[in-house]
């Protein structure tokens, strides 16, 4: 059963376009969670239009920049850049609800390079448009903006030290998953720069992997009280309970339980002596907790198999 996704309800002037916007996002390979995030942005944009007293037809690129600027001024992190409003504007322009944009050509070497890189990702790599716009191009813009000078991009002097210093500066600002996404996008950009002949040395090798130290510590043993509760929870009247009891005894003997001195034999939850593998196997079948030799010679199962002349163990 899939995870349930909360779908926001859009109110305001853009409410009649909400259902179509959701279907349009799904047709562009947006996942349910990503489409829900975009629908929430659609709702925030619609509420802003209502507060400003603007209609849908008055939603231009300048108004979208005002919307993003007000969110940045209010210290809101999400949907605070003008590029983030490009997607809902594109949908509304396709419907003819808002005026078309004024055609502009990429100005400057940075914008031209980003346009070529976006085409490479869409055509050559086959990435979805929202992946290119939301993940790869922002990381490329962030990295390339540091290389600009008065006469354009200075890619000829790009070295591995520049890559390392950029990651050392930007990765601590992000979570583990965010740093991993940045590293992945930077590898893709460096690979494109080398294929396009803009850099002579392949610098993909200079991008390190992101270390994830979660769940890398050594497992700690359980407290004696917790071990006793686990052993007591096994119903040894049933076969499955005896099996679980034997497994827990093995785990305790292998160091997952409380620490014990090697010179003094540990004891079970009932106060009896500890058991080894053969005793645990016997316990799984009969519930017997005697030592291996006595369990093999005088266990009730051994007696039943070899006649009534065999003795019985102390727990029988």
Foldseek 3Di string as FASTA:
>chain_A
DDDDEDADQADAQCNVCLVVQLVVCVVLVDDPNRSSVVSVVVRLVRVVCVVVVHHQQPDALVVLLVSLCVCVVVVNDPSNHSLSCVSVVVVCVVVVSYDDHDDDDQPAPLSVVLVVLLVCCCPVVVDGNCCSSPQQSVLSSVLQVVQADPRHGDLAPDDLVSVVVVLVVPVVVDDLVNSQSSLVSVLSVLVVCCVVVVYVDRNSVSRDHRDDCPPVDDQAADEPVVLLVQLVVQDLVDLVSQLSNLVSLACVVVPNHDDDDPVDFDADSVGHGREDNQQSVLSSPPVDNDYNVCCCQADPVNCVVVDVVTHHDPVD
